[in-house]
Amino acid sequence: MADIIRVTVVFEYEPIAENYGGHAHSLEAMAKLDEDVNNWVDYPDAYEDDLVSVTYEAVSRAA
């Protein structure tokens, strides 16, 4: 029997460079800024239109 249920949520969006105020000059930098500052956990409404998929799986923890 599984020990936990893992929920994987996938969002995809095209960043708008102007929204980063010159703080990010590459896609990687924009992703890092979103991870550090604009995290979807803190701003879920900002990402609701970007939801691609949600999957649920039963997972056994490794011993």
PDB file of N, CA and C in Angstrom:
ATOM      1  N   MET A   1       0.834  -1.183   0.000  1.00  0.00           N
ATOM      2  CA  MET A   1       0.000   0.000   0.000  1.00  0.00           C
ATOM      3  C   MET A   1       0.881   1.249   0.000  1.00  0.00           C
ATOM      4  N   ALA A   2       0.424   2.276  -0.647  1.00  0.00           N
ATOM      5  CA  ALA A   2       1.177   3.529  -0.729  1.00  0.00           C
ATOM      6  C   ALA A   2       1.176   4.239   0.617  1.00  0.00           C
ATOM      7  N   ASP A   3       2.231   5.015   0.816  1.00  0.00           N
ATOM      8  CA  ASP A   3       2.374   5.774   2.048  1.00  0.00           C
ATOM      9  C   ASP A   3       1.807   7.190   1.939  1.00  0.00           C
ATOM     10  N   ILE A   4       1.932   7.755   0.759  1.00  0.00           N
ATOM     11  CA  ILE A   4       1.500   9.145   0.558  1.00  0.00           C
ATOM     12  C   ILE A   4       0.869   9.299  -0.828  1.00  0.00           C
ATOM     13  N   ILE A   5       0.169  10.398  -1.017  1.00  0.00           N
ATOM     14  CA  ILE A   5      -0.326  10.785  -2.336  1.00  0.00           C
ATOM     15  C   ILE A   5       0.478  11.995  -2.770  1.00  0.00           C
ATOM     16  N   ARG A   6       1.077  11.898  -3.941  1.00  0.00           N
ATOM     17  CA  ARG A   6       1.854  13.004  -4.501  1.00  0.00           C
ATOM     18  C   ARG A   6       0.982  13.719  -5.526  1.00  0.00           C
ATOM     19  N   VAL A   7       0.895  15.044  -5.400  1.00  0.00           N
ATOM     20  CA  VAL A   7       0.151  15.860  -6.345  1.00  0.00           C
ATOM     21  C   VAL A   7       1.168  16.693  -7.126  1.00  0.00           C
ATOM     22  N   THR A   8       1.141  16.557  -8.432  1.00  0.00           N
ATOM     23  CA  THR A   8       2.038  17.324  -9.295  1.00  0.00           C
ATOM     24  C   THR A   8       1.197  18.305 -10.095  1.00  0.00           C
ATOM     25  N   VAL A   9       1.523  19.573  -9.977  1.00  0.00           N
ATOM     26  CA  VAL A   9       0.791  20.630 -10.663  1.00  0.00           C
ATOM     27  C   VAL A   9       1.738  21.272 -11.678  1.00  0.00           C
ATOM     28  N   VAL A  10       1.281  21.385 -12.922  1.00  0.00           N
ATOM     29  CA  VAL A  10       2.110  21.957 -13.974  1.00  0.00           C
ATOM     30  C   VAL A  10       1.449  23.233 -14.499  1.00  0.00           C
ATOM     31  N   PHE A  11       2.226  24.306 -14.478  1.00  0.00           N
ATOM     32  CA  PHE A  11       1.823  25.580 -15.068  1.00  0.00           C
ATOM     33  C   PHE A  11       2.804  25.894 -16.185  1.00  0.00           C
ATOM     34  N   GLU A  12       2.318  26.475 -17.260  1.00  0.00           N
ATOM     35  CA  GLU A  12       3.183  26.940 -18.347  1.00  0.00           C
ATOM     36  C   GLU A  12       2.694  28.314 -18.777  1.00  0.00           C
ATOM     37  N   TYR A  13       3.632  29.223 -18.958  1.00  0.00           N
ATOM     38  CA  TYR A  13       3.265  30.574 -19.389  1.00  0.00           C
ATOM     39  C   TYR A  13       4.436  31.221 -20.100  1.00  0.00           C
ATOM     40  N   GLU A  14       4.104  32.168 -20.964  1.00  0.00           N
ATOM     41  CA  GLU A  14       5.124  32.956 -21.645  1.00  0.00           C
ATOM     42  C   GLU A  14       5.310  34.238 -20.838  1.00  0.00           C
ATOM     43  N   PRO A  15       6.489  34.427 -20.263  1.00  0.00           N
ATOM     44  CA  PRO A  15       6.701  35.629 -19.459  1.00  0.00           C
ATOM     45  C   PRO A  15       6.727  36.883 -20.328  1.00  0.00           C
ATOM     46  N   ILE A  16       6.282  37.962 -19.764  1.00  0.00           N
ATOM     47  CA  ILE A  16       6.309  39.258 -20.439  1.00  0.00           C
ATOM     48  C   ILE A  16       7.488  40.026 -19.859  1.00  0.00           C
ATOM     49  N   ALA A  17       8.519  40.219 -20.656  1.00  0.00           N
ATOM     50  CA  ALA A  17       9.780  40.793 -20.188  1.00  0.00           C
ATOM     51  C   ALA A  17       9.585  42.121 -19.457  1.00  0.00           C
ATOM     52  N   GLU A  18       8.662  42.937 -19.912  1.00  0.00           N
ATOM     53  CA  GLU A  18       8.440  44.246 -19.293  1.00  0.00           C
ATOM     54  C   GLU A  18       7.979  44.121 -17.838  1.00  0.00           C
ATOM     55  N   ASN A  19       7.359  42.991 -17.506  1.00  0.00           N
ATOM     56  CA  ASN A  19       6.869  42.791 -16.142  1.00  0.00           C
ATOM     57  C   ASN A  19       7.986  42.520 -15.138  1.00  0.00           C
ATOM     58  N   TYR A  20       9.201  42.321 -15.623  1.00  0.00           N
ATOM     59  CA  TYR A  20      10.316  42.010 -14.737  1.00  0.00           C
ATOM     60  C   TYR A  20      11.164  43.236 -14.424  1.00  0.00           C
ATOM     61  N   GLY A  21      10.774  44.384 -14.933  1.00  0.00           N
ATOM     62  CA  GLY A  21      11.416  45.646 -14.589  1.00  0.00           C
ATOM     63  C   GLY A  21      12.918  45.690 -14.789  1.00  0.00           C
ATOM     64  N   GLY A  22      13.417  45.000 -15.788  1.00  0.00           N
ATOM     65  CA  GLY A  22      14.840  45.005 -16.062  1.00  0.00           C
ATOM     66  C   GLY A  22      15.652  44.119 -15.137  1.00  0.00           C
ATOM     67  N   HIS A  23      14.984  43.355 -14.270  1.00  0.00           N
ATOM     68  CA  HIS A  23      15.699  42.493 -13.327  1.00  0.00           C
ATOM     69  C   HIS A  23      16.046  41.132 -13.915  1.00  0.00           C
ATOM     70  N   ALA A  24      15.500  40.804 -15.065  1.00  0.00           N
ATOM     71  CA  ALA A  24      15.766  39.506 -15.675  1.00  0.00           C
ATOM     72  C   ALA A  24      15.918  39.686 -17.180  1.00  0.00           C
ATOM     73  N   HIS A  25      17.054  39.257 -17.709  1.00  0.00           N
ATOM     74  CA  HIS A  25      17.339  39.457 -19.125  1.00  0.00           C
ATOM     75  C   HIS A  25      17.354  38.163 -19.927  1.00  0.00           C
ATOM     76  N   SER A  26      16.994  37.063 -19.295  1.00  0.00           N
ATOM     77  CA  SER A  26      16.908  35.789 -20.002  1.00  0.00           C
ATOM     78  C   SER A  26      15.730  35.012 -19.429  1.00  0.00           C
ATOM     79  N   LEU A  27      15.302  34.002 -20.160  1.00  0.00           N
ATOM     80  CA  LEU A  27      14.194  33.175 -19.693  1.00  0.00           C
ATOM     81  C   LEU A  27      14.561  32.479 -18.387  1.00  0.00           C
ATOM     82  N   GLU A  28      15.801  32.029 -18.275  1.00  0.00           N
ATOM     83  CA  GLU A  28      16.256  31.381 -17.045  1.00  0.00           C
ATOM     84  C   GLU A  28      16.203  32.341 -15.864  1.00  0.00           C
ATOM     85  N   ALA A  29      16.605  33.594 -16.085  1.00  0.00           N
ATOM     86  CA  ALA A  29      16.574  34.600 -15.014  1.00  0.00           C
ATOM     87  C   ALA A  29      15.133  34.929 -14.621  1.00  0.00           C
ATOM     88  N   MET A  30      14.236  34.969 -15.597  1.00  0.00           N
ATOM     89  CA  MET A  30      12.827  35.221 -15.295  1.00  0.00           C
ATOM     90  C   MET A  30      12.245  34.077 -14.470  1.00  0.00           C
ATOM     91  N   ALA A  31      12.583  32.843 -14.840  1.00  0.00           N
ATOM     92  CA  ALA A  31      12.098  31.680 -14.087  1.00  0.00           C
ATOM     93  C   ALA A  31      12.614  31.721 -12.654  1.00  0.00           C
ATOM     94  N   LYS A  32      13.881  32.071 -12.468  1.00  0.00           N
ATOM     95  CA  LYS A  32      14.461  32.138 -11.130  1.00  0.00           C
ATOM     96  C   LYS A  32      13.803  33.250 -10.312  1.00  0.00           C
ATOM     97  N   LEU A  33      13.541  34.386 -10.931  1.00  0.00           N
ATOM     98  CA  LEU A  33      12.874  35.482 -10.235  1.00  0.00           C
ATOM     99  C   LEU A  33      11.462  35.076  -9.835  1.00  0.00           C
ATOM    100  N   ASP A  34      10.755  34.390 -10.722  1.00  0.00           N
ATOM    101  CA  ASP A  34       9.411  33.920 -10.374  1.00  0.00           C
ATOM    102  C   ASP A  34       9.469  32.910  -9.228  1.00  0.00           C
ATOM    103  N   GLU A  35      10.469  32.050  -9.244  1.00  0.00           N
ATOM    104  CA  GLU A  35      10.617  31.067  -8.171  1.00  0.00           C
ATOM    105  C   GLU A  35      10.889  31.756  -6.830  1.00  0.00           C
ATOM    106  N   ASP A  36      11.750  32.762  -6.844  1.00  0.00           N
ATOM    107  CA  ASP A  36      12.173  33.431  -5.613  1.00  0.00           C
ATOM    108  C   ASP A  36      11.196  34.490  -5.117  1.00  0.00           C
ATOM    109  N   VAL A  37      10.573  35.224  -6.041  1.00  0.00           N
ATOM    110  CA  VAL A  37       9.787  36.403  -5.665  1.00  0.00           C
ATOM    111  C   VAL A  37       8.301  36.270  -5.994  1.00  0.00           C
ATOM    112  N   ASN A  38       7.985  35.702  -7.135  1.00  0.00           N
ATOM    113  CA  ASN A  38       6.596  35.627  -7.607  1.00  0.00           C
ATOM    114  C   ASN A  38       6.054  34.204  -7.513  1.00  0.00           C
ATOM    115  N   ASN A  39       6.379  33.523  -6.457  1.00  0.00           N
ATOM    116  CA  ASN A  39       6.045  32.118  -6.283  1.00  0.00           C
ATOM    117  C   ASN A  39       4.541  31.896  -6.385  1.00  0.00           C
ATOM    118  N   TRP A  40       4.147  30.834  -7.086  1.00  0.00           N
ATOM    119  CA  TRP A  40       2.709  30.579  -7.277  1.00  0.00           C
ATOM    120  C   TRP A  40       2.017  30.240  -5.970  1.00  0.00           C
ATOM    121  N   VAL A  41       2.731  29.759  -4.978  1.00  0.00           N
ATOM    122  CA  VAL A  41       2.119  29.477  -3.680  1.00  0.00           C
ATOM    123  C   VAL A  41       1.637  30.772  -3.037  1.00  0.00           C
ATOM    124  N   ASP A  42       2.412  31.838  -3.206  1.00  0.00           N
ATOM    125  CA  ASP A  42       2.059  33.139  -2.642  1.00  0.00           C
ATOM    126  C   ASP A  42       1.060  33.911  -3.507  1.00  0.00           C
ATOM    127  N   TYR A  43       1.062  33.651  -4.813  1.00  0.00           N
ATOM    128  CA  TYR A  43       0.193  34.385  -5.751  1.00  0.00           C
ATOM    129  C   TYR A  43      -0.559  33.421  -6.670  1.00  0.00           C
ATOM    130  N   PRO A  44      -1.388  32.540  -6.122  1.00  0.00           N
ATOM    131  CA  PRO A  44      -2.038  31.532  -6.970  1.00  0.00           C
ATOM    132  C   PRO A  44      -2.958  32.114  -8.041  1.00  0.00           C
ATOM    133  N   ASP A  45      -3.607  33.231  -7.763  1.00  0.00           N
ATOM    134  CA  ASP A  45      -4.523  33.807  -8.748  1.00  0.00           C
ATOM    135  C   ASP A  45      -3.791  34.291  -9.993  1.00  0.00           C
ATOM    136  N   ALA A  46      -2.536  34.663  -9.847  1.00  0.00           N
ATOM    137  CA  ALA A  46      -1.768  35.156 -10.988  1.00  0.00           C
ATOM    138  C   ALA A  46      -1.481  34.054 -12.002  1.00  0.00           C
ATOM    139  N   TYR A  47      -1.558  32.807 -11.578  1.00  0.00           N
ATOM    140  CA  TYR A  47      -1.204  31.690 -12.443  1.00  0.00           C
ATOM    141  C   TYR A  47      -2.389  30.813 -12.843  1.00  0.00           C
ATOM    142  N   GLU A  48      -3.589  31.128 -12.393  1.00  0.00           N
ATOM    143  CA  GLU A  48      -4.717  30.225 -12.609  1.00  0.00           C
ATOM    144  C   GLU A  48      -5.025  29.964 -14.082  1.00  0.00           C
ATOM    145  N   ASP A  49      -4.780  30.913 -14.968  1.00  0.00           N
ATOM    146  CA  ASP A  49      -5.036  30.704 -16.397  1.00  0.00           C
ATOM    147  C   ASP A  49      -3.938  29.883 -17.068  1.00  0.00           C
ATOM    148  N   ASP A  50      -2.846  29.619 -16.338  1.00  0.00           N
ATOM    149  CA  ASP A  50      -1.696  28.920 -16.900  1.00  0.00           C
ATOM    150  C   ASP A  50      -1.631  27.450 -16.508  1.00  0.00           C
ATOM    151  N   LEU A  51      -2.652  26.963 -15.835  1.00  0.00           N
ATOM    152  CA  LEU A  51      -2.677  25.583 -15.387  1.00  0.00           C
ATOM    153  C   LEU A  51      -2.769  24.633 -16.574  1.00  0.00           C
ATOM    154  N   VAL A  52      -1.844  23.683 -16.645  1.00  0.00           N
ATOM    155  CA  VAL A  52      -1.805  22.722 -17.737  1.00  0.00           C
ATOM    156  C   VAL A  52      -2.323  21.362 -17.278  1.00  0.00           C
ATOM    157  N   SER A  53      -1.860  20.904 -16.112  1.00  0.00           N
ATOM    158  CA  SER A  53      -2.299  19.602 -15.644  1.00  0.00           C
ATOM    159  C   SER A  53      -2.093  19.444 -14.143  1.00  0.00           C
ATOM    160  N   VAL A  54      -2.870  18.524 -13.585  1.00  0.00           N
ATOM    161  CA  VAL A  54      -2.727  18.125 -12.197  1.00  0.00           C
ATOM    162  C   VAL A  54      -2.799  16.604 -12.185  1.00  0.00           C
ATOM    163  N   THR A  55      -1.798  15.965 -11.597  1.00  0.00           N
ATOM    164  CA  THR A  55      -1.816  14.505 -11.504  1.00  0.00           C
ATOM    165  C   THR A  55      -1.669  14.083 -10.042  1.00  0.00           C
ATOM    166  N   TYR A  56      -2.322  12.997  -9.727  1.00  0.00           N
ATOM    167  CA  TYR A  56      -2.281  12.428  -8.381  1.00  0.00           C
ATOM    168  C   TYR A  56      -1.720  11.014  -8.505  1.00  0.00           C
ATOM    169  N   GLU A  57      -0.796  10.665  -7.625  1.00  0.00           N
ATOM    170  CA  GLU A  57      -0.250   9.311  -7.674  1.00  0.00           C
ATOM    171  C   GLU A  57       0.022   8.799  -6.257  1.00  0.00           C
ATOM    172  N   ALA A  58      -0.160   7.504  -6.097  1.00  0.00           N
ATOM    173  CA  ALA A  58       0.149   6.857  -4.826  1.00  0.00           C
ATOM    174  C   ALA A  58       1.636   6.559  -4.826  1.00  0.00           C
ATOM    175  N   VAL A  59       2.323   6.939  -3.746  1.00  0.00           N
ATOM    176  CA  VAL A  59       3.778   6.794  -3.677  1.00  0.00           C
ATOM    177  C   VAL A  59       4.156   6.096  -2.371  1.00  0.00           C
ATOM    178  N   SER A  60       5.053   5.128  -2.498  1.00  0.00           N
ATOM    179  CA  SER A  60       5.615   4.473  -1.315  1.00  0.00           C
ATOM    180  C   SER A  60       6.938   5.138  -0.994  1.00  0.00           C
ATOM    181  N   ARG A  61       7.131   5.461   0.253  1.00  0.00           N
ATOM    182  CA  ARG A  61       8.394   6.073   0.671  1.00  0.00           C
ATOM    183  C   ARG A  61       9.485   5.014   0.691  1.00  0.00           C
ATOM    184  N   ALA A  62      10.656   5.405   0.265  1.00  0.00           N
ATOM    185  CA  ALA A  62      11.784   4.480   0.286  1.00  0.00           C
ATOM    186  C   ALA A  62      12.210   4.206   1.725  1.00  0.00           C
ATOM    187  N   ALA A  63      12.585   3.002   1.985  1.00  0.00           N
ATOM    188  CA  ALA A  63      12.982   2.632   3.351  1.00  0.00           C
ATOM    189  C   ALA A  63      14.367   3.125   3.669  1.00  0.00           C
TER     190      ALA A  63
END
